[in-house]
Structures are given as structure tokens and as C-alpha cells.
Amino acid sequence: MLSALLLLPAALAAAGLFALLAWLISRTTVYTITPRRLVLPVGLALPLSINIPFSVIEAADVKLFADGTGDLSVTPARGERVGYLLAWPHVRPWRFARPEPTLRSIPNAAAVAEMLAGALSQSMAPGAASTRMVATTNPAVGSPTAAHPPLVTAA
């Protein structure tokens, strides 16, 4: 009993660090959909971007929640891999063998899913015209305000 109580402060500190990490990631994440690729940012101290061309995306899934938010996951084609630890937390949970990059906690997920589906279908069409459609979303922002740009923009 006494040894379990000694572990309690360490467990609370670890939980607090994970909560802080989750908050920092949610405040700094900006996902981008371009006419040719999906861009996922990773890293806080050393930010990197993972560029996923539409040509290597096999499938896309959306999971909608009651409040209108959702997660958009893309399945890379066979032979294409994204490192689970490199992309964490922007990967679908428990998909270690074949990690699926995921846009997490997206406000207006249905609209962003439609835009991703449209961009994917346009990129797969033979001789598709390159329309300049860009969707950028920051999950921590929510709906657009004067201080924040709209989540979906056509440029």
C-alpha cells in the first residue's frame, strides 16, 4: 500500500506532462490540403512537415462525432509507409503495422472530408485541371473569427 502511494506523485506528474503535450500540439497544429497533397505538421521543438501526395493515398476515412468535429484518416498505398513514432499523434490509434496518417479533432469535419474527397477525385481523374483549392485547419481554433482565418479557403 505504501509503495503504491509513493508512485502516485510520479503518475500524476506523467499525466500532467501528457496533458501539457496534448495542449501544445493542439495549439500548434495546422493541417493543409492542397490540389496535390496532404501536409501534416509534426514536432514542437523541431517542426517538420509530412507531405503525402494524393498519388500514394489508397483510401480516406472520416469518423464524425456528435459535436461536428471528427478525424480524417488516410491509408497509404501498399509499399508506402509513414513512421508511427515520427507522425504521432497524427496517426490513427493502434495501427502499428500499417500506420494511417490522421487529421485529428477537425472542426466542421464533414466539410473538410468533402473537400479532401473532391481533391482526391480530381487528382485521380486523367487530365484533371489543377484548381487552386487549399483547406487549412487548426483544430484548436474552431470556427473562424476576425482573429483567425476561415478553415476552408479557395485561393
C-alpha atoms as a PDB file:
ATOM      1  CA  MET A   1       0.000   0.000   0.000  1.00  0.00           C
ATOM      2  CA  LEU A   2       2.779   2.410   0.936  1.00  0.00           C
ATOM      3  CA  SER A   3       4.740   1.703  -2.257  1.00  0.00           C
ATOM      4  CA  ALA A   4       1.644   2.419  -4.354  1.00  0.00           C
ATOM      5  CA  LEU A   5       1.245   5.797  -2.648  1.00  0.00           C
ATOM      6  CA  LEU A   6       4.870   6.611  -3.439  1.00  0.00           C
ATOM      7  CA  LEU A   7       4.149   6.091  -7.155  1.00  0.00           C
ATOM      8  CA  LEU A   8       1.114   8.384  -7.111  1.00  0.00           C
ATOM      9  CA  PRO A   9       3.064  11.692  -7.449  1.00  0.00           C
ATOM     10  CA  ALA A  10       5.095  10.280 -10.352  1.00  0.00           C
ATOM     11  CA  ALA A  11       1.926   9.051 -12.075  1.00  0.00           C
ATOM     12  CA  LEU A  12       0.232  12.439 -11.627  1.00  0.00           C
ATOM     13  CA  ALA A  13       3.318  14.235 -12.963  1.00  0.00           C
ATOM     14  CA  ALA A  14       3.382  11.956 -16.034  1.00  0.00           C
ATOM     15  CA  ALA A  15      -0.332  12.534 -16.652  1.00  0.00           C
ATOM     16  CA  GLY A  16       0.206  16.287 -16.323  1.00  0.00           C
ATOM     17  CA  LEU A  17       3.065  16.204 -18.828  1.00  0.00           C
ATOM     18  CA  PHE A  18       0.949  14.289 -21.331  1.00  0.00           C
ATOM     19  CA  ALA A  19      -1.897  16.785 -20.870  1.00  0.00           C
ATOM     20  CA  LEU A  20       0.526  19.675 -21.449  1.00  0.00           C
ATOM     21  CA  LEU A  21       1.955  17.971 -24.538  1.00  0.00           C
ATOM     22  CA  ALA A  22      -1.543  17.387 -25.944  1.00  0.00           C
ATOM     23  CA  TRP A  23      -2.461  21.041 -25.374  1.00  0.00           C
ATOM     24  CA  LEU A  24       0.739  22.306 -27.017  1.00  0.00           C
ATOM     25  CA  ILE A  25       0.261  20.061 -30.038  1.00  0.00           C
ATOM     26  CA  SER A  26      -3.371  21.136 -30.446  1.00  0.00           C
ATOM     27  CA  ARG A  27      -2.369  24.814 -30.353  1.00  0.00           C
ATOM     28  CA  THR A  28       0.399  24.491 -32.947  1.00  0.00           C
ATOM     29  CA  THR A  29      -1.099  22.042 -35.456  1.00  0.00           C
ATOM     30  CA  VAL A  30      -2.225  23.332 -38.848  1.00  0.00           C
ATOM     31  CA  TYR A  31      -3.268  20.696 -41.410  1.00  0.00           C
ATOM     32  CA  THR A  32      -3.199  21.634 -45.091  1.00  0.00           C
ATOM     33  CA  ILE A  33      -4.906  20.086 -48.134  1.00  0.00           C
ATOM     34  CA  THR A  34      -3.520  21.247 -51.478  1.00  0.00           C
ATOM     35  CA  PRO A  35      -4.535  20.161 -55.004  1.00  0.00           C
ATOM     36  CA  ARG A  36      -1.796  17.515 -54.986  1.00  0.00           C
ATOM     37  CA  ARG A  37      -1.034  16.533 -51.395  1.00  0.00           C
ATOM     38  CA  LEU A  38      -1.903  16.443 -47.733  1.00  0.00           C
ATOM     39  CA  VAL A  39       0.533  18.168 -45.353  1.00  0.00           C
ATOM     40  CA  LEU A  40       0.764  17.156 -41.693  1.00  0.00           C
ATOM     41  CA  PRO A  41       2.993  19.057 -39.275  1.00  0.00           C
ATOM     42  CA  VAL A  42       4.952  17.104 -36.656  1.00  0.00           C
ATOM     43  CA  GLY A  43       7.212  18.187 -33.831  1.00  0.00           C
ATOM     44  CA  LEU A  44       7.168  21.045 -31.375  1.00  0.00           C
ATOM     45  CA  ALA A  45      10.847  21.844 -30.810  1.00  0.00           C
ATOM     46  CA  LEU A  46      11.960  20.758 -34.291  1.00  0.00           C
ATOM     47  CA  PRO A  47       8.929  21.199 -36.543  1.00  0.00           C
ATOM     48  CA  LEU A  48       8.783  19.065 -39.674  1.00  0.00           C
ATOM     49  CA  SER A  49       6.097  18.512 -42.277  1.00  0.00           C
ATOM     50  CA  ILE A  50       4.979  15.181 -43.666  1.00  0.00           C
ATOM     51  CA  ASN A  51       3.886  15.595 -47.289  1.00  0.00           C
ATOM     52  CA  ILE A  52       1.578  12.842 -48.508  1.00  0.00           C
ATOM     53  CA  PRO A  53       0.967  13.055 -52.266  1.00  0.00           C
ATOM     54  CA  PHE A  54      -2.532  12.022 -53.335  1.00  0.00           C
ATOM     55  CA  SER A  55      -0.942   9.518 -55.702  1.00  0.00           C
ATOM     56  CA  VAL A  56       0.108   7.345 -52.725  1.00  0.00           C
ATOM     57  CA  ILE A  57      -3.254   7.501 -50.901  1.00  0.00           C
ATOM     58  CA  GLU A  58      -5.246   4.292 -51.233  1.00  0.00           C
ATOM     59  CA  ALA A  59      -8.304   5.296 -49.173  1.00  0.00           C
ATOM     60  CA  ALA A  60      -9.633   8.004 -46.879  1.00  0.00           C
ATOM     61  CA  ASP A  61     -11.986   7.568 -43.916  1.00  0.00           C
ATOM     62  CA  VAL A  62     -13.817  10.009 -41.708  1.00  0.00           C
ATOM     63  CA  LYS A  63     -15.067   9.487 -38.161  1.00  0.00           C
ATOM     64  CA  LEU A  64     -17.661  12.105 -37.197  1.00  0.00           C
ATOM     65  CA  PHE A  65     -18.558  12.969 -33.615  1.00  0.00           C
ATOM     66  CA  ALA A  66     -21.839  14.367 -32.287  1.00  0.00           C
ATOM     67  CA  ASP A  67     -20.450  17.909 -31.916  1.00  0.00           C
ATOM     68  CA  GLY A  68     -19.495  18.141 -35.611  1.00  0.00           C
ATOM     69  CA  THR A  69     -15.795  17.502 -35.111  1.00  0.00           C
ATOM     70  CA  GLY A  70     -14.101  14.437 -36.485  1.00  0.00           C
ATOM     71  CA  ASP A  71     -10.966  12.584 -37.501  1.00  0.00           C
ATOM     72  CA  LEU A  72      -9.921  12.119 -41.144  1.00  0.00           C
ATOM     73  CA  SER A  73      -7.610   9.163 -41.780  1.00  0.00           C
ATOM     74  CA  VAL A  74      -5.814   8.309 -44.996  1.00  0.00           C
ATOM     75  CA  THR A  75      -4.490   4.864 -45.871  1.00  0.00           C
ATOM     76  CA  PRO A  76      -1.219   4.906 -47.813  1.00  0.00           C
ATOM     77  CA  ALA A  77      -0.925   2.513 -50.739  1.00  0.00           C
ATOM     78  CA  ARG A  78       0.819  -0.815 -50.171  1.00  0.00           C
ATOM     79  CA  GLY A  79       4.552  -0.318 -50.020  1.00  0.00           C
ATOM     80  CA  GLU A  80       4.250   3.286 -48.806  1.00  0.00           C
ATOM     81  CA  ARG A  81       4.825   3.869 -45.084  1.00  0.00           C
ATOM     82  CA  VAL A  82       4.726   6.670 -42.602  1.00  0.00           C
ATOM     83  CA  GLY A  83       6.642   6.055 -39.394  1.00  0.00           C
ATOM     84  CA  TYR A  84       4.240   5.699 -36.465  1.00  0.00           C
ATOM     85  CA  LEU A  85       6.534   7.380 -33.939  1.00  0.00           C
ATOM     86  CA  LEU A  86       7.511  10.134 -36.378  1.00  0.00           C
ATOM     87  CA  ALA A  87       3.898  11.065 -37.099  1.00  0.00           C
ATOM     88  CA  TRP A  88       2.494  10.558 -33.591  1.00  0.00           C
ATOM     89  CA  PRO A  89      -0.055  11.910 -32.535  1.00  0.00           C
ATOM     90  CA  HIS A  90      -1.193  12.482 -36.125  1.00  0.00           C
ATOM     91  CA  VAL A  91      -1.770   8.764 -36.766  1.00  0.00           C
ATOM     92  CA  ARG A  92      -4.776   6.527 -36.261  1.00  0.00           C
ATOM     93  CA  PRO A  93      -4.509   4.759 -32.897  1.00  0.00           C
ATOM     94  CA  TRP A  94      -3.412   1.121 -32.753  1.00  0.00           C
ATOM     95  CA  ARG A  95      -2.446   0.893 -36.447  1.00  0.00           C
ATOM     96  CA  PHE A  96       1.208  -0.026 -35.924  1.00  0.00           C
ATOM     97  CA  ALA A  97       1.759  -2.448 -38.823  1.00  0.00           C
ATOM     98  CA  ARG A  98       0.345  -0.038 -41.406  1.00  0.00           C
ATOM     99  CA  PRO A  99       0.124   3.446 -39.851  1.00  0.00           C
ATOM    100  CA  GLU A 100      -2.609   5.725 -41.161  1.00  0.00           C
ATOM    101  CA  PRO A 101      -1.912   9.462 -41.008  1.00  0.00           C
ATOM    102  CA  THR A 102      -4.881  11.229 -39.396  1.00  0.00           C
ATOM    103  CA  LEU A 103      -6.129  14.776 -39.215  1.00  0.00           C
ATOM    104  CA  ARG A 104      -7.370  14.792 -35.624  1.00  0.00           C
ATOM    105  CA  SER A 105     -10.164  16.766 -33.951  1.00  0.00           C
ATOM    106  CA  ILE A 106     -11.129  18.693 -37.068  1.00  0.00           C
ATOM    107  CA  PRO A 107     -13.953  21.206 -36.625  1.00  0.00           C
ATOM    108  CA  ASN A 108     -16.508  21.010 -39.457  1.00  0.00           C
ATOM    109  CA  ALA A 109     -15.118  17.586 -40.300  1.00  0.00           C
ATOM    110  CA  ALA A 110     -17.857  16.765 -42.818  1.00  0.00           C
ATOM    111  CA  ALA A 111     -16.997  19.817 -44.939  1.00  0.00           C
ATOM    112  CA  VAL A 112     -13.265  19.134 -44.773  1.00  0.00           C
ATOM    113  CA  ALA A 113     -13.900  15.454 -45.643  1.00  0.00           C
ATOM    114  CA  GLU A 114     -15.871  16.535 -48.718  1.00  0.00           C
ATOM    115  CA  MET A 115     -13.045  18.852 -49.734  1.00  0.00           C
ATOM    116  CA  LEU A 116     -10.472  16.062 -49.297  1.00  0.00           C
ATOM    117  CA  ALA A 117     -12.668  13.660 -51.292  1.00  0.00           C
ATOM    118  CA  GLY A 118     -13.039  16.228 -54.056  1.00  0.00           C
ATOM    119  CA  ALA A 119      -9.307  16.911 -54.151  1.00  0.00           C
ATOM    120  CA  LEU A 120      -8.550  13.175 -54.222  1.00  0.00           C
ATOM    121  CA  SER A 121     -11.015  12.526 -57.042  1.00  0.00           C
ATOM    122  CA  GLN A 122      -9.716  15.488 -59.063  1.00  0.00           C
ATOM    123  CA  SER A 123      -6.137  14.320 -58.673  1.00  0.00           C
ATOM    124  CA  MET A 124      -7.059  10.820 -59.868  1.00  0.00           C
ATOM    125  CA  ALA A 125      -9.004  11.989 -62.910  1.00  0.00           C
ATOM    126  CA  PRO A 126      -6.991  11.727 -66.132  1.00  0.00           C
ATOM    127  CA  GLY A 127      -6.027  15.176 -67.416  1.00  0.00           C
ATOM    128  CA  ALA A 128      -7.546  16.867 -64.375  1.00  0.00           C
ATOM    129  CA  ALA A 129      -7.346  20.623 -64.311  1.00  0.00           C
ATOM    130  CA  SER A 130      -5.287  21.941 -61.427  1.00  0.00           C
ATOM    131  CA  THR A 131      -7.659  24.121 -59.442  1.00  0.00           C
ATOM    132  CA  ARG A 132      -6.008  26.059 -56.626  1.00  0.00           C
ATOM    133  CA  MET A 133      -8.076  24.844 -53.668  1.00  0.00           C
ATOM    134  CA  VAL A 134      -6.480  24.891 -50.240  1.00  0.00           C
ATOM    135  CA  ALA A 135      -8.001  23.835 -46.925  1.00  0.00           C
ATOM    136  CA  THR A 136      -6.171  24.749 -43.783  1.00  0.00           C
ATOM    137  CA  THR A 137      -7.463  23.921 -40.362  1.00  0.00           C
ATOM    138  CA  ASN A 138      -6.192  24.351 -36.833  1.00  0.00           C
ATOM    139  CA  PRO A 139      -8.143  22.023 -34.535  1.00  0.00           C
ATOM    140  CA  ALA A 140      -7.658  24.301 -31.538  1.00  0.00           C
ATOM    141  CA  VAL A 141      -9.234  27.310 -33.241  1.00  0.00           C
ATOM    142  CA  GLY A 142     -12.706  26.007 -34.063  1.00  0.00           C
ATOM    143  CA  SER A 143     -14.845  28.276 -36.205  1.00  0.00           C
ATOM    144  CA  PRO A 144     -13.339  31.271 -37.999  1.00  0.00           C
ATOM    145  CA  THR A 145     -13.309  34.639 -36.276  1.00  0.00           C
ATOM    146  CA  ALA A 146     -11.774  38.001 -37.062  1.00  0.00           C
ATOM    147  CA  ALA A 147      -8.556  36.855 -35.382  1.00  0.00           C
ATOM    148  CA  HIS A 148      -8.403  33.515 -37.218  1.00  0.00           C
ATOM    149  CA  PRO A 149      -8.740  32.808 -40.934  1.00  0.00           C
ATOM    150  CA  PRO A 150     -11.547  30.578 -42.227  1.00  0.00           C
ATOM    151  CA  LEU A 151     -10.943  26.851 -42.058  1.00  0.00           C
ATOM    152  CA  VAL A 152     -11.603  26.261 -45.758  1.00  0.00           C
ATOM    153  CA  THR A 153     -10.406  28.774 -48.306  1.00  0.00           C
ATOM    154  CA  ALA A 154     -10.341  28.899 -52.072  1.00  0.00           C
ATOM    155  CA  ALA A 155      -7.353  30.761 -53.421  1.00  0.00           C
END
